[in-house]
Amino acid sequence: MILMNDIIREGNPTLRETAKELTFPLSDEERQLAAEMLEFLKNSQDPQLAEEYDLRGGVGLAAPQLDIDKRMIAVHIPNPDFDENNPKSGPEITFSDVMVNPKVISHSVQLAGLEGGEGCLSVDRPVEGVVIRHFKITVTYFTVDGEAKKKKFKGYDAMVIQHEIDHLNGVMFYDRIDPKDPFAQKKDIILL
């Protein structure tokens, strides 16, 4: 089981390196890693388990954050509009999977950012500012079983996926904040 102590923090050189692609079939160890990464996210979103194991809530986790040099991310993204009393509010989880060797193959011209800023399990301090990302992206990736996938994401889901793919390329979210004016926004940006 992955715990907070297993997650490396900013300043660790692994977070600034480009992770290596995985080859298929994945090893038993890599498949176990994938399962544990997704389990961590689910546990961190469960109030009882998060308190019991002292977990910070997370929606995404990249292998480099565990000091593992592999292009693998796990995401478990809750629907911010979900209402169990309203069937029209959509599913409780909008996307949940482990993505191996993910690549953004196209993106919208439209830019977006999270109004409240972004956080990161590898960053223990608050970092204020708007992180500018693409509003829509198309991603190719492989499942842990080696099945090729191509999926479109938009809005919050796209922000999460881009944040995690950045980790595979040695990029931290605050690298994308304007250092002179953290709340500077490009023209016509969508704030989520």
N, C-alpha and C. Protein backbone atom coordinates (compact mmCIF):
# COMPACT_ATOMS: atom_id res chain seq x y z
N MET A 1 0.84 -1.19 0.00
CA MET A 1 0.00 0.00 0.00
C MET A 1 0.88 1.25 0.00
N ILE A 2 0.58 2.16 -0.92
CA ILE A 2 1.33 3.42 -1.01
C ILE A 2 0.81 4.38 0.06
N LEU A 3 1.75 4.99 0.79
CA LEU A 3 1.42 6.00 1.80
C LEU A 3 2.13 7.30 1.44
N MET A 4 1.83 8.37 2.17
CA MET A 4 2.41 9.68 1.87
C MET A 4 3.94 9.65 1.93
N ASN A 5 4.50 8.85 2.83
CA ASN A 5 5.96 8.78 2.94
C ASN A 5 6.62 8.19 1.70
N ASP A 6 5.85 7.48 0.87
CA ASP A 6 6.39 6.90 -0.35
C ASP A 6 6.49 7.92 -1.49
N ILE A 7 5.83 9.06 -1.32
CA ILE A 7 5.81 10.08 -2.36
C ILE A 7 6.96 11.06 -2.14
N ILE A 8 7.81 11.21 -3.16
CA ILE A 8 8.94 12.13 -3.03
C ILE A 8 8.44 13.57 -3.18
N ARG A 9 9.20 14.49 -2.59
CA ARG A 9 8.79 15.89 -2.58
C ARG A 9 9.70 16.74 -3.46
N GLU A 10 9.21 17.95 -3.77
CA GLU A 10 9.96 18.86 -4.63
C GLU A 10 11.38 19.01 -4.07
N GLY A 11 12.32 19.12 -4.97
CA GLY A 11 13.73 19.15 -4.59
C GLY A 11 14.41 17.83 -4.91
N ASN A 12 13.63 16.74 -4.96
CA ASN A 12 14.19 15.44 -5.34
C ASN A 12 14.45 15.48 -6.85
N PRO A 13 15.68 15.14 -7.29
CA PRO A 13 16.02 15.26 -8.72
C PRO A 13 15.15 14.42 -9.66
N THR A 14 14.59 13.33 -9.18
CA THR A 14 13.74 12.48 -10.04
C THR A 14 12.58 13.28 -10.62
N LEU A 15 12.06 14.24 -9.86
CA LEU A 15 10.92 15.03 -10.31
C LEU A 15 11.27 15.96 -11.48
N ARG A 16 12.56 16.11 -11.77
CA ARG A 16 12.99 16.98 -12.87
C ARG A 16 13.54 16.20 -14.06
N GLU A 17 13.39 14.87 -14.03
CA GLU A 17 13.91 14.04 -15.11
C GLU A 17 12.77 13.60 -16.04
N THR A 18 13.14 13.23 -17.25
CA THR A 18 12.17 12.67 -18.20
C THR A 18 12.13 11.16 -17.97
N ALA A 19 10.93 10.66 -17.68
CA ALA A 19 10.77 9.23 -17.38
C ALA A 19 10.90 8.39 -18.64
N LYS A 20 11.27 7.14 -18.45
CA LYS A 20 11.49 6.22 -19.56
C LYS A 20 10.19 5.50 -19.94
N GLU A 21 10.04 5.25 -21.25
CA GLU A 21 8.87 4.50 -21.74
C GLU A 21 8.92 3.06 -21.24
N LEU A 22 7.74 2.50 -21.04
CA LEU A 22 7.65 1.09 -20.65
C LEU A 22 7.48 0.23 -21.89
N THR A 23 7.88 -1.03 -21.78
CA THR A 23 7.69 -1.99 -22.86
C THR A 23 6.71 -3.07 -22.39
N PHE A 24 6.06 -3.70 -23.34
CA PHE A 24 5.05 -4.72 -23.02
C PHE A 24 5.55 -6.09 -23.38
N PRO A 25 5.12 -7.12 -22.68
CA PRO A 25 4.18 -7.04 -21.56
C PRO A 25 4.85 -6.44 -20.33
N LEU A 26 4.03 -5.78 -19.50
CA LEU A 26 4.54 -5.22 -18.25
C LEU A 26 4.95 -6.36 -17.33
N SER A 27 5.94 -6.09 -16.50
CA SER A 27 6.37 -7.08 -15.51
C SER A 27 5.32 -7.15 -14.40
N ASP A 28 5.37 -8.21 -13.62
CA ASP A 28 4.46 -8.33 -12.47
C ASP A 28 4.64 -7.16 -11.52
N GLU A 29 5.88 -6.72 -11.37
CA GLU A 29 6.18 -5.58 -10.49
C GLU A 29 5.52 -4.30 -11.02
N GLU A 30 5.58 -4.09 -12.34
CA GLU A 30 4.96 -2.89 -12.94
C GLU A 30 3.44 -2.95 -12.83
N ARG A 31 2.87 -4.13 -13.02
CA ARG A 31 1.41 -4.28 -12.89
C ARG A 31 0.98 -4.01 -11.44
N GLN A 32 1.79 -4.48 -10.49
CA GLN A 32 1.50 -4.25 -9.08
C GLN A 32 1.59 -2.75 -8.76
N LEU A 33 2.59 -2.09 -9.31
CA LEU A 33 2.74 -0.64 -9.13
C LEU A 33 1.50 0.08 -9.64
N ALA A 34 1.03 -0.28 -10.82
CA ALA A 34 -0.16 0.35 -11.41
C ALA A 34 -1.37 0.19 -10.48
N ALA A 35 -1.57 -1.02 -9.98
CA ALA A 35 -2.71 -1.28 -9.09
C ALA A 35 -2.60 -0.48 -7.81
N GLU A 36 -1.39 -0.40 -7.26
CA GLU A 36 -1.20 0.33 -5.99
C GLU A 36 -1.36 1.84 -6.18
N MET A 37 -0.94 2.36 -7.34
CA MET A 37 -1.10 3.80 -7.60
C MET A 37 -2.58 4.16 -7.64
N LEU A 38 -3.38 3.35 -8.34
CA LEU A 38 -4.81 3.63 -8.44
C LEU A 38 -5.48 3.44 -7.07
N GLU A 39 -5.05 2.42 -6.35
CA GLU A 39 -5.60 2.18 -5.01
C GLU A 39 -5.31 3.36 -4.08
N PHE A 40 -4.11 3.94 -4.17
CA PHE A 40 -3.77 5.10 -3.35
C PHE A 40 -4.76 6.24 -3.59
N LEU A 41 -5.05 6.52 -4.87
CA LEU A 41 -5.95 7.63 -5.19
C LEU A 41 -7.35 7.36 -4.63
N LYS A 42 -7.83 6.15 -4.79
CA LYS A 42 -9.16 5.81 -4.26
C LYS A 42 -9.18 5.94 -2.75
N ASN A 43 -8.14 5.43 -2.09
CA ASN A 43 -8.06 5.53 -0.63
C ASN A 43 -7.99 6.98 -0.17
N SER A 44 -7.24 7.80 -0.93
CA SER A 44 -7.05 9.21 -0.52
C SER A 44 -8.35 10.01 -0.65
N GLN A 45 -9.28 9.51 -1.48
CA GLN A 45 -10.57 10.19 -1.64
C GLN A 45 -11.65 9.64 -0.72
N ASP A 46 -11.32 8.60 0.01
CA ASP A 46 -12.25 8.01 0.98
C ASP A 46 -11.96 8.66 2.33
N PRO A 47 -12.89 9.49 2.86
CA PRO A 47 -12.61 10.25 4.08
C PRO A 47 -12.12 9.38 5.24
N GLN A 48 -12.72 8.21 5.41
CA GLN A 48 -12.34 7.35 6.53
C GLN A 48 -10.91 6.79 6.35
N LEU A 49 -10.61 6.28 5.16
CA LEU A 49 -9.27 5.73 4.91
C LEU A 49 -8.21 6.82 4.89
N ALA A 50 -8.55 7.99 4.33
CA ALA A 50 -7.60 9.10 4.28
C ALA A 50 -7.20 9.52 5.69
N GLU A 51 -8.17 9.54 6.60
CA GLU A 51 -7.86 9.92 7.98
C GLU A 51 -7.06 8.81 8.67
N GLU A 52 -7.48 7.57 8.46
CA GLU A 52 -6.81 6.44 9.11
C GLU A 52 -5.33 6.34 8.71
N TYR A 53 -5.04 6.56 7.43
CA TYR A 53 -3.67 6.42 6.94
C TYR A 53 -2.96 7.75 6.73
N ASP A 54 -3.61 8.86 7.12
CA ASP A 54 -3.04 10.20 6.99
C ASP A 54 -2.65 10.50 5.54
N LEU A 55 -3.62 10.33 4.63
CA LEU A 55 -3.40 10.56 3.21
C LEU A 55 -3.95 11.92 2.79
N ARG A 56 -3.20 12.63 1.97
CA ARG A 56 -3.73 13.85 1.34
C ARG A 56 -4.53 13.41 0.12
N GLY A 57 -5.65 14.06 -0.09
CA GLY A 57 -6.50 13.72 -1.22
C GLY A 57 -5.79 13.99 -2.53
N GLY A 58 -5.90 13.03 -3.46
CA GLY A 58 -5.28 13.21 -4.77
C GLY A 58 -6.18 12.68 -5.87
N VAL A 59 -6.05 13.26 -7.05
CA VAL A 59 -6.81 12.79 -8.22
C VAL A 59 -5.89 12.19 -9.27
N GLY A 60 -4.58 12.38 -9.10
CA GLY A 60 -3.62 11.82 -10.03
C GLY A 60 -2.30 11.55 -9.34
N LEU A 61 -1.57 10.57 -9.87
CA LEU A 61 -0.26 10.21 -9.33
C LEU A 61 0.59 9.67 -10.47
N ALA A 62 1.80 10.16 -10.59
CA ALA A 62 2.73 9.70 -11.62
C ALA A 62 3.84 8.87 -10.98
N ALA A 63 4.30 7.85 -11.69
CA ALA A 63 5.36 6.98 -11.15
C ALA A 63 6.59 7.76 -10.68
N PRO A 64 7.03 8.83 -11.39
CA PRO A 64 8.18 9.57 -10.89
C PRO A 64 7.97 10.14 -9.48
N GLN A 65 6.73 10.40 -9.09
CA GLN A 65 6.46 10.89 -7.74
C GLN A 65 6.76 9.83 -6.68
N LEU A 66 6.90 8.58 -7.13
CA LEU A 66 7.27 7.49 -6.22
C LEU A 66 8.75 7.13 -6.42
N ASP A 67 9.49 8.04 -7.08
CA ASP A 67 10.91 7.86 -7.37
C ASP A 67 11.13 6.68 -8.31
N ILE A 68 10.18 6.48 -9.22
CA ILE A 68 10.25 5.39 -10.20
C ILE A 68 10.26 6.01 -11.60
N ASP A 69 11.31 5.70 -12.34
CA ASP A 69 11.58 6.32 -13.63
C ASP A 69 10.81 5.61 -14.75
N LYS A 70 9.47 5.69 -14.72
CA LYS A 70 8.64 5.00 -15.72
C LYS A 70 7.49 5.92 -16.14
N ARG A 71 7.11 5.83 -17.42
CA ARG A 71 6.03 6.67 -17.95
C ARG A 71 4.68 6.02 -17.67
N MET A 72 4.25 6.15 -16.42
CA MET A 72 2.97 5.58 -15.99
C MET A 72 2.29 6.57 -15.05
N ILE A 73 1.01 6.82 -15.31
CA ILE A 73 0.23 7.68 -14.41
C ILE A 73 -1.07 6.96 -14.04
N ALA A 74 -1.56 7.29 -12.87
CA ALA A 74 -2.88 6.82 -12.45
C ALA A 74 -3.74 8.04 -12.20
N VAL A 75 -4.99 7.98 -12.63
CA VAL A 75 -5.93 9.07 -12.37
C VAL A 75 -7.26 8.49 -11.90
N HIS A 76 -7.86 9.17 -10.95
CA HIS A 76 -9.17 8.79 -10.42
C HIS A 76 -9.88 10.12 -10.15
N ILE A 77 -10.64 10.55 -11.16
CA ILE A 77 -11.16 11.93 -11.17
C ILE A 77 -12.64 11.96 -10.81
N PRO A 78 -12.96 12.55 -9.65
CA PRO A 78 -14.37 12.67 -9.27
C PRO A 78 -15.06 13.76 -10.08
N ASN A 79 -16.35 13.58 -10.28
CA ASN A 79 -17.18 14.56 -10.98
C ASN A 79 -17.55 15.66 -10.00
N PRO A 80 -17.08 16.90 -10.21
CA PRO A 80 -17.40 17.97 -9.26
C PRO A 80 -18.90 18.29 -9.20
N ASP A 81 -19.64 17.90 -10.25
CA ASP A 81 -21.08 18.18 -10.30
C ASP A 81 -21.93 17.01 -9.81
N PHE A 82 -21.29 15.92 -9.38
CA PHE A 82 -22.05 14.74 -8.99
C PHE A 82 -22.95 15.02 -7.79
N ASP A 83 -24.21 14.57 -7.91
CA ASP A 83 -25.18 14.68 -6.83
C ASP A 83 -25.95 13.37 -6.81
N GLU A 84 -25.77 12.59 -5.75
CA GLU A 84 -26.40 11.26 -5.71
C GLU A 84 -27.92 11.33 -5.78
N ASN A 85 -28.50 12.50 -5.49
CA ASN A 85 -29.96 12.66 -5.56
C ASN A 85 -30.44 13.15 -6.92
N ASN A 86 -29.48 13.42 -7.83
CA ASN A 86 -29.84 13.92 -9.15
C ASN A 86 -29.21 13.04 -10.22
N PRO A 87 -29.98 12.14 -10.83
CA PRO A 87 -29.41 11.24 -11.84
C PRO A 87 -28.83 11.96 -13.05
N LYS A 88 -29.26 13.20 -13.29
CA LYS A 88 -28.76 13.96 -14.44
C LYS A 88 -27.40 14.60 -14.17
N SER A 89 -26.89 14.49 -12.94
CA SER A 89 -25.62 15.13 -12.61
C SER A 89 -24.42 14.37 -13.15
N GLY A 90 -24.66 13.18 -13.72
CA GLY A 90 -23.57 12.40 -14.31
C GLY A 90 -22.98 11.42 -13.33
N PRO A 91 -21.92 10.71 -13.77
CA PRO A 91 -21.33 9.68 -12.91
C PRO A 91 -20.54 10.29 -11.74
N GLU A 92 -20.34 9.49 -10.70
CA GLU A 92 -19.58 9.96 -9.54
C GLU A 92 -18.10 10.16 -9.90
N ILE A 93 -17.56 9.27 -10.72
CA ILE A 93 -16.17 9.36 -11.18
C ILE A 93 -16.21 9.54 -12.70
N THR A 94 -15.54 10.60 -13.21
CA THR A 94 -15.58 10.85 -14.65
C THR A 94 -14.57 10.00 -15.41
N PHE A 95 -13.43 9.69 -14.77
CA PHE A 95 -12.43 8.86 -15.43
C PHE A 95 -11.52 8.25 -14.38
N SER A 96 -11.26 6.96 -14.52
CA SER A 96 -10.38 6.27 -13.58
C SER A 96 -9.62 5.19 -14.34
N ASP A 97 -8.29 5.32 -14.38
CA ASP A 97 -7.50 4.34 -15.11
C ASP A 97 -6.02 4.57 -14.83
N VAL A 98 -5.22 3.58 -15.19
CA VAL A 98 -3.77 3.72 -15.23
C VAL A 98 -3.40 3.87 -16.70
N MET A 99 -2.63 4.89 -17.00
CA MET A 99 -2.24 5.20 -18.37
C MET A 99 -0.74 4.97 -18.51
N VAL A 100 -0.38 4.06 -19.42
CA VAL A 100 1.03 3.74 -19.65
C VAL A 100 1.48 4.43 -20.95
N ASN A 101 2.63 5.09 -20.87
CA ASN A 101 3.19 5.84 -22.01
C ASN A 101 2.18 6.82 -22.62
N PRO A 102 1.50 7.63 -21.79
CA PRO A 102 0.51 8.57 -22.34
C PRO A 102 1.17 9.70 -23.12
N LYS A 103 0.49 10.12 -24.20
CA LYS A 103 0.99 11.22 -25.03
C LYS A 103 -0.19 12.10 -25.42
N VAL A 104 -0.02 13.41 -25.30
CA VAL A 104 -1.02 14.34 -25.83
C VAL A 104 -0.71 14.48 -27.31
N ILE A 105 -1.66 14.05 -28.16
CA ILE A 105 -1.41 14.09 -29.61
C ILE A 105 -2.06 15.30 -30.28
N SER A 106 -3.04 15.91 -29.60
CA SER A 106 -3.62 17.16 -30.11
C SER A 106 -4.26 17.90 -28.94
N HIS A 107 -4.44 19.20 -29.14
CA HIS A 107 -5.05 20.01 -28.08
C HIS A 107 -5.76 21.21 -28.69
N SER A 108 -6.65 21.76 -27.90
CA SER A 108 -7.41 22.94 -28.35
C SER A 108 -6.53 24.18 -28.29
N VAL A 109 -6.91 25.16 -29.08
CA VAL A 109 -6.28 26.48 -28.98
C VAL A 109 -6.77 27.14 -27.68
N GLN A 110 -8.02 26.84 -27.33
CA GLN A 110 -8.62 27.40 -26.12
C GLN A 110 -7.82 26.99 -24.89
N LEU A 111 -7.45 27.99 -24.08
CA LEU A 111 -6.71 27.72 -22.86
C LEU A 111 -7.62 27.81 -21.65
N ALA A 112 -7.19 27.17 -20.57
CA ALA A 112 -7.99 27.16 -19.35
C ALA A 112 -7.06 27.07 -18.14
N GLY A 113 -7.64 27.31 -16.98
CA GLY A 113 -6.90 27.18 -15.73
C GLY A 113 -7.89 26.98 -14.60
N LEU A 114 -7.41 26.45 -13.50
CA LEU A 114 -8.27 26.25 -12.34
C LEU A 114 -8.25 27.52 -11.50
N GLU A 115 -9.43 28.05 -11.24
CA GLU A 115 -9.54 29.31 -10.52
C GLU A 115 -8.83 29.27 -9.17
N GLY A 116 -8.93 28.14 -8.49
CA GLY A 116 -8.30 28.02 -7.17
C GLY A 116 -6.85 27.57 -7.24
N GLY A 117 -6.30 27.45 -8.45
CA GLY A 117 -4.92 27.00 -8.60
C GLY A 117 -4.84 25.48 -8.55
N GLU A 118 -3.63 24.96 -8.65
CA GLU A 118 -3.40 23.52 -8.61
C GLU A 118 -2.60 23.17 -7.36
N GLY A 119 -2.72 21.92 -6.97
CA GLY A 119 -1.92 21.38 -5.88
C GLY A 119 -1.22 20.14 -6.38
N CYS A 120 -0.34 19.59 -5.55
CA CYS A 120 0.43 18.42 -5.96
C CYS A 120 0.84 17.65 -4.72
N LEU A 121 0.74 16.33 -4.80
CA LEU A 121 1.13 15.49 -3.67
C LEU A 121 2.63 15.59 -3.37
N SER A 122 3.42 16.07 -4.34
CA SER A 122 4.86 16.23 -4.13
C SER A 122 5.23 17.63 -3.65
N VAL A 123 4.24 18.49 -3.46
CA VAL A 123 4.49 19.87 -3.02
C VAL A 123 3.70 20.11 -1.73
N ASP A 124 4.44 20.32 -0.65
CA ASP A 124 3.79 20.47 0.67
C ASP A 124 3.42 21.90 1.02
N ARG A 125 3.74 22.83 0.15
CA ARG A 125 3.45 24.24 0.44
C ARG A 125 2.37 24.73 -0.50
N PRO A 126 1.60 25.74 -0.06
CA PRO A 126 0.63 26.31 -0.99
C PRO A 126 1.36 27.14 -2.05
N VAL A 127 0.93 26.99 -3.30
CA VAL A 127 1.51 27.77 -4.40
C VAL A 127 0.35 28.45 -5.10
N GLU A 128 0.32 29.78 -5.00
CA GLU A 128 -0.78 30.52 -5.60
C GLU A 128 -0.46 30.90 -7.04
N GLY A 129 -1.51 30.96 -7.83
CA GLY A 129 -1.36 31.38 -9.22
C GLY A 129 -2.15 30.49 -10.16
N VAL A 130 -2.36 31.01 -11.35
CA VAL A 130 -3.13 30.29 -12.36
C VAL A 130 -2.17 29.52 -13.26
N VAL A 131 -2.41 28.21 -13.36
CA VAL A 131 -1.63 27.34 -14.23
C VAL A 131 -2.38 27.26 -15.56
N ILE A 132 -1.75 27.78 -16.62
CA ILE A 132 -2.40 27.82 -17.93
C ILE A 132 -2.21 26.48 -18.64
N ARG A 133 -3.31 25.87 -19.04
CA ARG A 133 -3.26 24.58 -19.75
C ARG A 133 -4.26 24.62 -20.91
N HIS A 134 -4.27 23.56 -21.72
CA HIS A 134 -5.23 23.47 -22.82
C HIS A 134 -6.57 22.98 -22.27
N PHE A 135 -7.66 23.57 -22.78
CA PHE A 135 -9.00 23.21 -22.32
C PHE A 135 -9.40 21.81 -22.77
N LYS A 136 -8.99 21.43 -23.99
CA LYS A 136 -9.29 20.09 -24.52
C LYS A 136 -8.00 19.45 -25.01
N ILE A 137 -7.90 18.13 -24.77
CA ILE A 137 -6.74 17.39 -25.26
C ILE A 137 -7.20 16.02 -25.78
N THR A 138 -6.42 15.46 -26.68
CA THR A 138 -6.60 14.07 -27.12
C THR A 138 -5.33 13.34 -26.72
N VAL A 139 -5.51 12.21 -26.05
CA VAL A 139 -4.38 11.46 -25.50
C VAL A 139 -4.39 10.03 -26.03
N THR A 140 -3.20 9.54 -26.38
CA THR A 140 -3.05 8.12 -26.66
C THR A 140 -2.29 7.52 -25.48
N TYR A 141 -2.63 6.28 -25.15
CA TYR A 141 -1.95 5.59 -24.06
C TYR A 141 -2.21 4.11 -24.18
N PHE A 142 -1.58 3.33 -23.33
CA PHE A 142 -1.81 1.90 -23.26
C PHE A 142 -2.35 1.55 -21.88
N THR A 143 -3.22 0.55 -21.83
CA THR A 143 -3.67 0.02 -20.54
C THR A 143 -2.54 -0.88 -20.02
N VAL A 144 -2.68 -1.34 -18.78
CA VAL A 144 -1.65 -2.23 -18.22
C VAL A 144 -1.59 -3.55 -19.00
N ASP A 145 -2.66 -3.89 -19.71
CA ASP A 145 -2.67 -5.11 -20.52
C ASP A 145 -2.11 -4.89 -21.92
N GLY A 146 -1.69 -3.66 -22.22
CA GLY A 146 -1.08 -3.37 -23.52
C GLY A 146 -2.06 -2.96 -24.59
N GLU A 147 -3.31 -2.71 -24.21
CA GLU A 147 -4.32 -2.29 -25.19
C GLU A 147 -4.14 -0.80 -25.50
N ALA A 148 -4.02 -0.47 -26.78
CA ALA A 148 -3.86 0.92 -27.20
C ALA A 148 -5.20 1.64 -27.08
N LYS A 149 -5.17 2.85 -26.52
CA LYS A 149 -6.38 3.66 -26.34
C LYS A 149 -6.13 5.06 -26.87
N LYS A 150 -7.21 5.71 -27.28
CA LYS A 150 -7.17 7.11 -27.68
C LYS A 150 -8.41 7.74 -27.08
N LYS A 151 -8.23 8.80 -26.30
CA LYS A 151 -9.37 9.38 -25.59
C LYS A 151 -9.25 10.90 -25.55
N LYS A 152 -10.43 11.54 -25.63
CA LYS A 152 -10.50 13.01 -25.54
C LYS A 152 -10.90 13.39 -24.11
N PHE A 153 -10.29 14.47 -23.63
CA PHE A 153 -10.61 15.01 -22.31
C PHE A 153 -10.83 16.50 -22.44
N LYS A 154 -11.68 17.05 -21.59
CA LYS A 154 -11.84 18.50 -21.58
C LYS A 154 -12.05 18.98 -20.15
N GLY A 155 -11.87 20.28 -19.97
CA GLY A 155 -12.11 20.89 -18.67
C GLY A 155 -11.20 20.33 -17.58
N TYR A 156 -11.80 20.07 -16.41
CA TYR A 156 -11.04 19.62 -15.25
C TYR A 156 -10.27 18.33 -15.52
N ASP A 157 -10.91 17.39 -16.21
CA ASP A 157 -10.24 16.12 -16.51
C ASP A 157 -8.97 16.37 -17.34
N ALA A 158 -9.06 17.27 -18.31
CA ALA A 158 -7.90 17.60 -19.14
C ALA A 158 -6.79 18.24 -18.31
N MET A 159 -7.17 19.07 -17.34
CA MET A 159 -6.17 19.71 -16.46
C MET A 159 -5.40 18.65 -15.67
N VAL A 160 -6.14 17.67 -15.12
CA VAL A 160 -5.52 16.61 -14.31
C VAL A 160 -4.55 15.79 -15.16
N ILE A 161 -5.00 15.37 -16.35
CA ILE A 161 -4.16 14.54 -17.21
C ILE A 161 -2.88 15.30 -17.61
N GLN A 162 -3.02 16.58 -17.96
CA GLN A 162 -1.85 17.38 -18.33
C GLN A 162 -0.88 17.53 -17.16
N HIS A 163 -1.41 17.72 -15.96
CA HIS A 163 -0.57 17.84 -14.75
C HIS A 163 0.26 16.57 -14.58
N GLU A 164 -0.38 15.41 -14.72
CA GLU A 164 0.33 14.13 -14.51
C GLU A 164 1.33 13.85 -15.62
N ILE A 165 0.96 14.14 -16.87
CA ILE A 165 1.91 13.94 -17.97
C ILE A 165 3.12 14.86 -17.80
N ASP A 166 2.90 16.08 -17.29
CA ASP A 166 4.02 16.97 -16.99
C ASP A 166 5.03 16.28 -16.08
N HIS A 167 4.55 15.54 -15.08
CA HIS A 167 5.46 14.83 -14.16
C HIS A 167 6.37 13.86 -14.92
N LEU A 168 5.87 13.28 -15.99
CA LEU A 168 6.67 12.33 -16.77
C LEU A 168 7.78 13.03 -17.54
N ASN A 169 7.63 14.35 -17.69
CA ASN A 169 8.59 15.15 -18.45
C ASN A 169 9.42 16.08 -17.58
N GLY A 170 9.37 15.87 -16.26
CA GLY A 170 10.17 16.67 -15.34
C GLY A 170 9.66 18.08 -15.13
N VAL A 171 8.37 18.30 -15.40
CA VAL A 171 7.77 19.63 -15.26
C VAL A 171 6.86 19.66 -14.04
N MET A 172 7.04 20.67 -13.19
CA MET A 172 6.17 20.87 -12.03
C MET A 172 5.10 21.90 -12.40
N PHE A 173 3.94 21.81 -11.76
CA PHE A 173 2.83 22.69 -12.14
C PHE A 173 3.18 24.16 -11.99
N TYR A 174 4.00 24.51 -10.98
CA TYR A 174 4.30 25.92 -10.76
C TYR A 174 5.26 26.48 -11.82
N ASP A 175 5.87 25.60 -12.63
CA ASP A 175 6.67 26.08 -13.77
C ASP A 175 5.79 26.82 -14.77
N ARG A 176 4.50 26.53 -14.75
CA ARG A 176 3.56 27.12 -15.71
C ARG A 176 2.85 28.37 -15.16
N ILE A 177 3.25 28.82 -13.99
CA ILE A 177 2.67 30.04 -13.41
C ILE A 177 3.60 31.20 -13.73
N ASP A 178 3.04 32.33 -14.15
CA ASP A 178 3.82 33.53 -14.46
C ASP A 178 4.48 34.03 -13.17
N PRO A 179 5.83 33.98 -13.08
CA PRO A 179 6.48 34.38 -11.83
C PRO A 179 6.33 35.86 -11.49
N LYS A 180 6.18 36.70 -12.54
CA LYS A 180 6.04 38.14 -12.29
C LYS A 180 4.65 38.50 -11.81
N ASP A 181 3.65 37.78 -12.34
CA ASP A 181 2.25 38.04 -11.96
C ASP A 181 1.51 36.71 -11.94
N PRO A 182 1.52 36.02 -10.77
CA PRO A 182 0.94 34.67 -10.69
C PRO A 182 -0.53 34.59 -11.11
N PHE A 183 -1.22 35.70 -11.00
CA PHE A 183 -2.64 35.68 -11.35
C PHE A 183 -2.90 36.30 -12.72
N ALA A 184 -1.82 36.55 -13.47
CA ALA A 184 -1.96 37.06 -14.83
C ALA A 184 -2.62 35.95 -15.67
N GLN A 185 -3.57 36.35 -16.45
CA GLN A 185 -4.23 35.37 -17.30
C GLN A 185 -4.18 35.85 -18.73
N LYS A 186 -3.91 34.93 -19.60
CA LYS A 186 -3.93 35.26 -21.01
C LYS A 186 -5.36 35.60 -21.38
N LYS A 187 -5.50 36.33 -22.47
CA LYS A 187 -6.82 36.75 -22.94
C LYS A 187 -7.68 35.53 -23.29
N ASP A 188 -8.93 35.61 -22.94
CA ASP A 188 -9.93 34.59 -23.30
C ASP A 188 -9.68 33.21 -22.67
N ILE A 189 -9.05 33.18 -21.52
CA ILE A 189 -8.85 31.90 -20.84
C ILE A 189 -10.13 31.52 -20.11
N ILE A 190 -10.43 30.23 -20.08
CA ILE A 190 -11.58 29.73 -19.32
C ILE A 190 -11.10 29.38 -17.92
N LEU A 191 -11.72 29.97 -16.90
CA LEU A 191 -11.39 29.62 -15.53
C LEU A 191 -12.40 28.60 -15.04
N LEU A 192 -11.91 27.48 -14.56
CA LEU A 192 -12.78 26.40 -14.08
C LEU A 192 -12.88 26.43 -12.57
